[in-house]
Structure formats: structure tokens, C-alpha cells
N, C-alpha and C. Protein backbone atom coordinates (compact mmCIF):
# COMPACT_ATOMS: atom_id res chain seq x y z
N MET A 1 40.31 93.14 95.46
CA MET A 1 39.22 93.94 95.08
C MET A 1 38.42 94.26 96.33
N LEU A 2 38.49 95.51 96.70
CA LEU A 2 37.90 95.95 97.98
C LEU A 2 36.67 96.81 97.77
N SER A 3 35.77 96.71 98.71
CA SER A 3 34.59 97.58 98.77
C SER A 3 34.48 98.12 100.17
N PRO A 4 34.19 99.41 100.33
CA PRO A 4 34.03 99.98 101.66
C PRO A 4 32.87 99.30 102.41
N GLY A 5 33.05 99.08 103.71
CA GLY A 5 32.06 98.38 104.51
C GLY A 5 30.73 99.06 104.71
N PRO A 6 30.67 100.38 104.89
CA PRO A 6 29.38 101.02 105.19
C PRO A 6 28.29 100.76 104.14
N GLY A 7 28.66 100.54 102.90
CA GLY A 7 27.66 100.30 101.86
C GLY A 7 26.91 98.99 102.02
N PHE A 8 27.38 98.12 102.89
CA PHE A 8 26.74 96.83 103.09
C PHE A 8 25.77 96.82 104.27
N TYR A 9 25.62 97.95 104.95
CA TYR A 9 24.78 98.03 106.14
C TYR A 9 23.70 99.09 105.96
N ALA A 10 22.51 98.81 106.49
CA ALA A 10 21.43 99.79 106.48
C ALA A 10 21.52 100.72 107.69
N THR A 11 22.16 100.26 108.76
CA THR A 11 22.28 101.05 109.98
C THR A 11 23.43 102.03 109.86
N PRO A 12 23.17 103.33 110.01
CA PRO A 12 24.25 104.32 109.93
C PRO A 12 25.36 104.03 110.94
N GLY A 13 26.59 104.15 110.50
CA GLY A 13 27.74 103.97 111.39
C GLY A 13 28.33 102.57 111.36
N LEU A 14 27.56 101.58 110.94
CA LEU A 14 28.11 100.22 110.90
C LEU A 14 29.00 100.05 109.67
N GLY A 15 30.06 99.31 109.85
CA GLY A 15 30.96 99.00 108.75
C GLY A 15 32.01 100.05 108.47
N GLU A 16 32.06 101.09 109.27
CA GLU A 16 33.03 102.16 108.99
C GLU A 16 34.48 101.71 109.18
N ASP A 17 34.69 100.66 109.95
CA ASP A 17 36.04 100.14 110.14
C ASP A 17 36.22 98.79 109.45
N GLU A 18 35.43 98.56 108.39
CA GLU A 18 35.46 97.29 107.68
C GLU A 18 35.56 97.51 106.18
N CYS A 19 35.95 96.45 105.48
CA CYS A 19 35.87 96.43 104.03
C CYS A 19 35.56 95.00 103.62
N ARG A 20 35.11 94.82 102.41
CA ARG A 20 34.83 93.49 101.88
C ARG A 20 35.85 93.20 100.80
N ILE A 21 36.33 91.97 100.79
CA ILE A 21 37.28 91.55 99.76
C ILE A 21 36.56 90.55 98.86
N ALA A 22 36.57 90.82 97.56
CA ALA A 22 35.88 89.96 96.60
C ALA A 22 36.70 88.71 96.28
N TYR A 23 36.00 87.64 95.95
CA TYR A 23 36.65 86.42 95.47
C TYR A 23 37.17 86.69 94.06
N VAL A 24 38.42 86.43 93.86
CA VAL A 24 39.05 86.75 92.57
C VAL A 24 39.57 85.46 91.95
N LEU A 25 39.25 85.24 90.70
CA LEU A 25 39.67 84.02 90.02
C LEU A 25 41.14 84.05 89.61
N LYS A 26 41.67 85.23 89.34
CA LYS A 26 43.07 85.35 88.94
C LYS A 26 43.91 85.63 90.17
N VAL A 27 44.80 84.72 90.51
CA VAL A 27 45.64 84.87 91.70
C VAL A 27 46.49 86.13 91.60
N ASP A 28 46.98 86.45 90.42
CA ASP A 28 47.80 87.66 90.26
C ASP A 28 47.02 88.92 90.65
N ASP A 29 45.74 88.97 90.28
CA ASP A 29 44.90 90.11 90.65
C ASP A 29 44.74 90.21 92.17
N LEU A 30 44.54 89.07 92.80
CA LEU A 30 44.38 89.05 94.25
C LEU A 30 45.67 89.48 94.95
N GLU A 31 46.80 88.99 94.46
CA GLU A 31 48.09 89.38 95.04
C GLU A 31 48.31 90.89 94.92
N ARG A 32 47.98 91.46 93.77
CA ARG A 32 48.12 92.91 93.58
C ARG A 32 47.20 93.67 94.52
N ALA A 33 45.98 93.17 94.72
CA ALA A 33 45.05 93.83 95.63
C ALA A 33 45.58 93.80 97.06
N MET A 34 46.15 92.69 97.48
CA MET A 34 46.68 92.59 98.84
C MET A 34 47.90 93.49 99.02
N ASP A 35 48.74 93.59 97.98
CA ASP A 35 49.88 94.50 98.05
C ASP A 35 49.40 95.95 98.19
N CYS A 36 48.36 96.29 97.45
CA CYS A 36 47.78 97.63 97.52
C CYS A 36 47.22 97.90 98.91
N LEU A 37 46.50 96.93 99.46
CA LEU A 37 45.94 97.09 100.81
C LEU A 37 47.05 97.24 101.84
N ALA A 38 48.08 96.43 101.74
CA ALA A 38 49.20 96.51 102.69
C ALA A 38 49.86 97.89 102.63
N ALA A 39 50.08 98.41 101.41
CA ALA A 39 50.69 99.73 101.26
C ALA A 39 49.79 100.82 101.84
N ALA A 40 48.50 100.70 101.62
CA ALA A 40 47.56 101.70 102.16
C ALA A 40 47.54 101.67 103.68
N LEU A 41 47.57 100.48 104.25
CA LEU A 41 47.55 100.37 105.71
C LEU A 41 48.83 100.90 106.35
N GLU A 42 49.93 100.80 105.63
CA GLU A 42 51.20 101.33 106.14
C GLU A 42 51.14 102.85 106.35
N VAL A 43 50.45 103.54 105.47
CA VAL A 43 50.42 105.00 105.56
C VAL A 43 49.12 105.54 106.17
N TYR A 44 48.16 104.66 106.44
CA TYR A 44 46.89 105.10 107.04
C TYR A 44 47.16 105.66 108.43
N PRO A 45 46.75 106.90 108.70
CA PRO A 45 47.09 107.53 109.98
C PRO A 45 46.42 106.87 111.19
N GLY A 46 45.33 106.15 111.01
CA GLY A 46 44.64 105.54 112.15
C GLY A 46 44.90 104.06 112.30
N ARG A 47 45.95 103.55 111.65
CA ARG A 47 46.19 102.10 111.72
C ARG A 47 46.48 101.68 113.15
N THR A 48 46.08 100.47 113.49
CA THR A 48 46.28 99.98 114.84
C THR A 48 47.08 98.69 114.90
N GLU A 49 47.11 97.93 113.81
CA GLU A 49 47.81 96.66 113.85
C GLU A 49 48.59 96.42 112.56
N LEU A 50 49.91 96.53 112.65
CA LEU A 50 50.75 96.22 111.50
C LEU A 50 50.88 94.71 111.30
N ALA A 51 50.81 93.95 112.38
CA ALA A 51 50.95 92.50 112.28
C ALA A 51 49.86 91.90 111.41
N ALA A 52 48.67 92.44 111.44
CA ALA A 52 47.57 91.91 110.63
C ALA A 52 47.88 92.08 109.15
N THR A 53 48.52 93.17 108.77
CA THR A 53 48.90 93.40 107.38
C THR A 53 49.89 92.34 106.93
N ALA A 54 50.88 92.09 107.74
CA ALA A 54 51.89 91.07 107.39
C ALA A 54 51.27 89.70 107.30
N GLU A 55 50.34 89.40 108.18
CA GLU A 55 49.68 88.10 108.16
C GLU A 55 48.86 87.92 106.90
N LEU A 56 48.17 88.95 106.46
CA LEU A 56 47.37 88.87 105.22
C LEU A 56 48.26 88.51 104.05
N GLY A 57 49.39 89.17 103.94
CA GLY A 57 50.29 88.93 102.83
C GLY A 57 50.91 87.53 102.87
N SER A 58 51.15 87.01 104.06
CA SER A 58 51.79 85.69 104.17
C SER A 58 50.87 84.59 103.69
N HIS A 59 49.56 84.78 103.75
CA HIS A 59 48.62 83.75 103.30
C HIS A 59 48.71 83.55 101.79
N LEU A 60 49.11 84.56 101.07
CA LEU A 60 49.20 84.45 99.62
C LEU A 60 50.39 83.63 99.16
N THR A 61 51.42 83.55 99.99
CA THR A 61 52.64 82.84 99.59
C THR A 61 52.64 81.40 100.04
N GLN A 62 51.63 80.97 100.75
CA GLN A 62 51.61 79.59 101.24
C GLN A 62 50.99 78.66 100.24
């Protein structure tokens, strides 16, 4: 469950390269959210680090 970062800042321009991930009680929901984020990052034209996406997903399987 993601929220865009800029909404959490009063200063214009802050948080534009951030997002917040909510604490989720259902592990299945969290896994689906991470899969969605990974897929979005794969096609995002400004992505800079694919390794970070893989690392995020690996934490769910441990």
C-alpha cells in the first residue's frame, strides 16, 4: 500500500522521489503490493536501480 511522497511534506519539491509504504496486517496484501511496485519500477522510464527492486522482493520470502 503506497502513498506518493510529496503529500507528506510542506516544502514544495520534497518527496518527489519517495513513497511511503503502509504497515499491512495481511501478508498476502503486502506481497501483492511489492509485486505491483516491482512491476512498476521495471517499466518506469527514470528508474536508476534494478537491484533495489530485487532486494525488496527478497525480504518477503525470508
